[in-house]
Amino acid sequence: MLTIAGSDSGGGAGIQADLKTISANGCYGMSVITALTAQNTVGVSAIHPVPVDFVRQQMEAVLTDIGADAVKIGMLFSPELIQCVADELRRFKVNNIVLDPVMVATSGDKLLQDDAIEALKEYLIPLADIITPNLPEAEVLLDWKVNTQDMLEQAAAELADLGCSNILIKGGHLEGEESDDLLYLGDEKRNVVLHGWRVVTDNTHGTGCTLSSAIASFMACGKPIEEAVRLAKEYITGAISSGADYRIGNGHGPVHHFYKFF
């Protein structure tokens, strides 16, 4: 399982969260680092993009030797980087691509340049097998507000028009006791509501990274998309619940990736 994402020096999101998730779900994790961030539970103080050509070399090194049964894509930062990643995925005919369109950190810090959004739509979304936006990310991609659970179906269908058949819109930013997600399966034109209860905690750093990596891990193990998403939803719910009372840092702490083991 290959993760293409940014590094989080605080260990709760990005590459670090991905590798923990991949390991916790029984896969061998590999990484292509797209950016270094100076980051903790409070916020992102600096971003150092990795040169595009070096990202290409990392992908080539992994895919020419080890290969990948699935790929999760997170923080990409710039349009040049997005096009590079898309080119390499096509070149190596990679399957089972999970795209988490990371735009803003849990702390509110921007992780994607404004001009990269159009590149994401043009080059990468059409290559993905599933994309996993949260509500703010879906709103940026659609350019309209998604305020209620009832609007999720319309949002998912319109996102599918960007070229990726399967859409998972995470409902965690909606208010209320429930935290339901919506999975749209484009080939079947079918919506699946994934019910969940909201866990009251500040420890939500890296939840999007963790969920998308779990989906990719289950897909790497041969699970179809709907089953992979259901299993990943169970995993992230357990990770949030088990880590709800931890005190790591002074802001949004991480989830408990290894709750099944200790």
Protein backbone atom coordinates (compact mmCIF):
# COMPACT_ATOMS: atom_id res chain seq x y z
CA MET A 1 0.00 0.00 0.00
CA LEU A 2 1.52 3.29 -1.14
CA THR A 3 0.69 6.63 0.41
CA ILE A 4 1.52 9.84 -1.48
CA ALA A 5 1.15 12.69 0.99
CA GLY A 6 2.81 15.30 3.19
CA SER A 7 4.76 14.63 6.36
CA ASP A 8 3.29 15.75 9.71
CA SER A 9 6.04 16.37 12.26
CA GLY A 10 3.44 16.01 15.03
CA GLY A 11 2.69 12.44 13.90
CA GLY A 12 -1.09 12.70 13.88
CA ALA A 13 -1.87 13.20 10.20
CA GLY A 14 -0.27 12.86 6.77
CA ILE A 15 2.35 10.21 6.04
CA GLN A 16 2.70 9.31 9.70
CA ALA A 17 -1.02 8.66 10.22
CA ASP A 18 -1.17 6.80 6.90
CA LEU A 19 1.64 4.39 7.77
CA LYS A 20 0.14 3.70 11.20
CA THR A 21 -3.24 3.01 9.60
CA ILE A 22 -1.80 0.80 6.87
CA SER A 23 0.11 -1.25 9.44
CA ALA A 24 -2.88 -1.52 11.79
CA ASN A 25 -4.95 -2.94 8.94
CA GLY A 26 -2.53 -5.63 7.86
CA CYS A 27 -0.71 -4.09 4.89
CA TYR A 28 2.88 -3.21 4.08
CA GLY A 29 3.20 0.57 3.89
CA MET A 30 5.36 2.59 1.48
CA SER A 31 5.53 6.36 1.14
CA VAL A 32 6.14 9.16 -1.32
CA ILE A 33 6.56 12.41 0.59
CA THR A 34 5.23 15.48 -1.23
CA ALA A 35 5.87 18.15 1.41
CA LEU A 36 7.42 18.61 4.83
CA THR A 37 5.30 20.45 7.35
CA ALA A 38 6.31 21.99 10.66
CA GLN A 39 3.13 20.97 12.44
CA ASN A 40 1.72 20.02 15.82
CA THR A 41 -1.73 19.65 17.38
CA VAL A 42 -2.23 23.43 17.39
CA GLY A 43 -1.43 24.24 13.77
CA VAL A 44 0.91 24.31 10.78
CA SER A 45 3.73 26.83 11.14
CA ALA A 46 5.60 26.10 7.88
CA ILE A 47 5.34 24.06 4.68
CA HIS A 48 8.37 23.01 2.63
CA PRO A 49 7.31 21.47 -0.70
CA VAL A 50 9.42 18.60 -2.01
CA PRO A 51 10.75 19.34 -5.53
CA VAL A 52 8.44 17.87 -8.15
CA ASP A 53 11.17 15.87 -9.84
CA PHE A 54 12.13 14.26 -6.54
CA VAL A 55 8.51 13.23 -5.97
CA ARG A 56 8.63 11.62 -9.40
CA GLN A 57 11.82 9.76 -8.45
CA GLN A 58 10.23 8.47 -5.24
CA MET A 59 7.23 7.12 -7.17
CA GLU A 60 9.46 5.54 -9.79
CA ALA A 61 11.64 3.88 -7.15
CA VAL A 62 8.68 2.26 -5.42
CA LEU A 63 6.61 1.34 -8.47
CA THR A 64 9.43 -0.13 -10.58
CA ASP A 65 10.50 -2.47 -7.79
CA ILE A 66 7.80 -3.21 -5.21
CA GLY A 67 4.63 -2.08 -6.95
CA ALA A 68 1.39 -1.18 -5.19
CA ASP A 69 -1.92 -2.99 -4.72
CA ALA A 70 -3.53 0.35 -3.82
CA VAL A 71 -2.53 4.00 -3.55
CA LYS A 72 -3.82 6.68 -1.21
CA ILE A 73 -3.18 10.29 -2.23
CA GLY A 74 -3.29 13.12 0.28
CA MET A 75 -1.60 16.54 0.37
CA LEU A 76 -0.25 17.62 -3.03
CA PHE A 77 0.03 21.42 -2.55
CA SER A 78 0.71 22.66 -6.12
CA PRO A 79 -0.67 22.15 -9.65
CA GLU A 80 2.75 21.03 -10.94
CA LEU A 81 2.88 18.32 -8.30
CA ILE A 82 -0.66 17.17 -9.06
CA GLN A 83 0.15 16.77 -12.74
CA CYS A 84 3.36 14.90 -11.92
CA VAL A 85 1.56 12.40 -9.67
CA ALA A 86 -1.17 11.88 -12.26
CA ASP A 87 1.41 11.29 -15.01
CA GLU A 88 3.24 8.65 -12.95
CA LEU A 89 0.03 6.85 -11.94
CA ARG A 90 -0.94 6.59 -15.61
CA ARG A 91 2.56 5.54 -16.62
CA PHE A 92 2.63 2.64 -14.17
CA LYS A 93 -1.05 1.75 -14.71
CA VAL A 94 -1.80 1.90 -10.99
CA ASN A 95 -5.15 0.55 -9.79
CA ASN A 96 -7.20 1.13 -6.62
CA ILE A 97 -6.55 4.84 -6.24
CA VAL A 98 -8.08 6.59 -3.23
CA LEU A 99 -7.91 10.39 -3.41
CA ASP A 100 -8.37 12.43 -0.25
CA PRO A 101 -8.51 16.01 -1.60
CA VAL A 102 -6.67 17.57 1.32
CA MET A 103 -7.14 21.35 1.33
CA VAL A 104 -7.25 22.50 4.96
CA ALA A 105 -5.79 21.00 8.14
CA THR A 106 -7.98 20.32 11.19
CA SER A 107 -6.44 23.47 12.70
CA GLY A 108 -7.74 25.54 9.76
CA ASP A 109 -4.39 26.02 8.01
CA LYS A 110 -4.43 25.87 4.18
CA LEU A 111 -2.58 22.91 2.68
CA LEU A 112 -3.39 23.45 -1.02
CA GLN A 113 -2.62 26.40 -3.27
CA ASP A 114 -5.68 28.06 -4.80
CA ASP A 115 -4.60 27.36 -8.38
CA ALA A 116 -4.15 23.66 -7.55
CA ILE A 117 -7.90 23.04 -7.26
CA GLU A 118 -8.47 23.17 -11.03
CA ALA A 119 -5.47 20.87 -11.58
CA LEU A 120 -6.98 18.42 -9.10
CA LYS A 121 -10.21 18.38 -11.11
CA GLU A 122 -8.48 18.07 -14.47
CA TYR A 123 -5.68 15.59 -13.84
CA LEU A 124 -6.28 13.55 -10.71
CA ILE A 125 -9.96 13.16 -9.86
CA PRO A 126 -10.69 11.36 -13.17
CA LEU A 127 -7.96 8.82 -12.33
CA ALA A 128 -9.28 7.98 -8.87
CA ASP A 129 -11.45 4.99 -8.01
CA ILE A 130 -12.94 6.91 -5.06
CA ILE A 131 -12.54 10.40 -3.61
CA THR A 132 -13.19 11.17 0.06
CA PRO A 133 -13.88 14.88 0.60
CA ASN A 134 -15.23 16.29 3.84
CA LEU A 135 -17.92 18.95 3.58
CA PRO A 136 -15.60 21.99 3.29
CA GLU A 137 -13.59 20.20 0.57
CA ALA A 138 -16.76 19.20 -1.28
CA GLU A 139 -17.93 22.81 -1.18
CA VAL A 140 -14.66 24.04 -2.69
CA LEU A 141 -14.83 21.47 -5.48
CA LEU A 142 -18.49 22.25 -6.20
CA ASP A 143 -18.42 25.99 -5.48
CA TRP A 144 -21.66 25.87 -3.46
CA LYS A 145 -22.57 25.32 0.18
CA VAL A 146 -23.54 21.88 1.51
CA ASN A 147 -25.47 22.65 4.69
CA THR A 148 -27.67 19.64 5.40
CA GLN A 149 -27.70 15.85 5.22
CA ASP A 150 -30.33 16.10 2.49
CA MET A 151 -27.93 18.00 0.23
CA LEU A 152 -25.28 15.27 0.33
CA GLU A 153 -26.89 13.18 -2.43
CA GLN A 154 -26.92 16.11 -4.86
CA ALA A 155 -23.36 17.00 -3.91
CA ALA A 156 -22.14 13.43 -4.44
CA ALA A 157 -23.80 13.15 -7.87
CA GLU A 158 -22.29 16.46 -9.00
CA LEU A 159 -18.84 15.46 -7.72
CA ALA A 160 -19.11 12.26 -9.75
CA ASP A 161 -19.54 14.42 -12.84
CA LEU A 162 -15.90 15.49 -12.33
CA GLY A 163 -14.85 12.03 -13.52
CA CYS A 164 -14.62 9.75 -10.49
CA SER A 165 -17.51 7.29 -10.20
CA ASN A 166 -17.39 6.70 -6.45
CA ILE A 167 -17.72 9.50 -3.91
CA LEU A 168 -17.56 9.34 -0.12
CA ILE A 169 -18.70 12.61 1.45
CA LYS A 170 -17.87 12.71 5.13
CA GLY A 171 -20.59 14.30 7.25
CA GLY A 172 -18.52 15.08 10.32
CA HIS A 173 -18.83 18.84 9.82
CA LEU A 174 -22.63 18.73 10.03
CA GLU A 175 -24.18 19.50 13.41
CA GLY A 176 -26.09 16.99 15.52
CA GLU A 177 -25.53 13.79 17.46
CA GLU A 178 -25.18 11.65 14.36
CA SER A 179 -22.12 11.64 12.11
CA ASP A 180 -23.34 9.96 8.94
CA ASP A 181 -21.30 9.69 5.75
CA LEU A 182 -22.69 9.23 2.25
CA LEU A 183 -21.17 6.83 -0.25
CA TYR A 184 -22.25 7.28 -3.87
CA LEU A 185 -21.56 4.29 -6.12
CA GLY A 186 -21.61 5.75 -9.61
CA ASP A 187 -21.74 2.55 -11.66
CA GLU A 188 -24.93 1.54 -9.85
CA LYS A 189 -26.26 5.10 -9.35
CA ARG A 190 -26.76 4.08 -5.72
CA ASN A 191 -26.39 5.97 -2.45
CA VAL A 192 -25.33 4.24 0.74
CA VAL A 193 -25.71 6.04 4.08
CA LEU A 194 -23.06 4.99 6.58
CA HIS A 195 -24.53 5.73 9.99
CA GLY A 196 -22.39 6.78 12.91
CA TRP A 197 -22.63 8.58 16.24
CA ARG A 198 -20.60 11.70 16.91
CA VAL A 199 -17.81 11.18 19.44
CA VAL A 200 -17.31 14.26 21.61
CA THR A 201 -13.56 14.87 21.61
CA ASP A 202 -10.91 17.35 20.53
CA ASN A 203 -8.76 14.50 19.24
CA THR A 204 -9.73 14.61 15.57
CA HIS A 205 -6.37 15.46 13.98
CA GLY A 206 -5.72 13.24 10.98
CA THR A 207 -9.16 11.63 10.78
CA GLY A 208 -9.44 12.20 7.01
CA CYS A 209 -5.97 10.82 6.36
CA THR A 210 -6.71 7.82 8.53
CA LEU A 211 -10.06 7.02 6.91
CA SER A 212 -8.76 7.26 3.33
CA SER A 213 -5.71 5.14 4.16
CA ALA A 214 -7.94 2.51 5.75
CA ILE A 215 -10.13 2.40 2.63
CA ALA A 216 -7.06 1.95 0.43
CA SER A 217 -5.69 -0.75 2.75
CA PHE A 218 -8.88 -2.80 2.52
CA MET A 219 -8.97 -2.31 -1.27
CA ALA A 220 -5.34 -3.52 -1.42
CA CYS A 221 -6.53 -6.68 0.35
CA GLY A 222 -9.09 -7.27 -2.39
CA LYS A 223 -12.25 -5.82 -0.83
CA PRO A 224 -14.75 -4.13 -3.18
CA ILE A 225 -15.25 -0.41 -2.63
CA GLU A 226 -18.45 -0.57 -0.59
CA GLU A 227 -17.07 -3.18 1.80
CA ALA A 228 -13.73 -1.34 2.05
CA VAL A 229 -15.52 1.88 2.98
CA ARG A 230 -17.71 0.14 5.57
CA LEU A 231 -14.69 -1.52 7.20
CA ALA A 232 -12.77 1.76 7.15
CA LYS A 233 -15.71 3.58 8.77
CA GLU A 234 -15.69 0.99 11.56
CA TYR A 235 -11.94 1.40 11.98
CA ILE A 236 -11.93 5.21 12.18
CA THR A 237 -14.90 5.19 14.57
CA GLY A 238 -12.99 2.85 16.88
CA ALA A 239 -9.82 4.93 16.58
CA ILE A 240 -11.66 8.14 17.48
CA SER A 241 -13.58 6.56 20.37
CA SER A 242 -10.51 4.87 21.84
CA GLY A 243 -8.44 8.05 21.65
CA ALA A 244 -11.17 10.43 22.80
CA ASP A 245 -9.79 10.99 26.30
CA TYR A 246 -6.08 11.21 25.51
CA ARG A 247 -4.16 14.40 26.18
CA ILE A 248 -1.48 14.71 23.51
CA GLY A 249 -0.52 18.31 22.80
CA ASN A 250 -2.56 21.44 23.44
CA GLY A 251 -4.86 21.40 20.42
CA HIS A 252 -6.48 18.71 18.28
CA GLY A 253 -4.79 15.49 19.31
CA PRO A 254 -4.51 12.33 17.18
CA VAL A 255 -6.80 9.31 17.06
CA HIS A 256 -5.66 5.96 18.47
CA HIS A 257 -4.51 4.11 15.35
CA PHE A 258 -3.52 0.93 17.19
CA TYR A 259 -6.57 0.60 19.44
CA LYS A 260 -7.08 -3.01 18.33
CA PHE A 261 -3.69 -3.97 19.74
CA PHE A 262 -3.20 -1.89 22.90
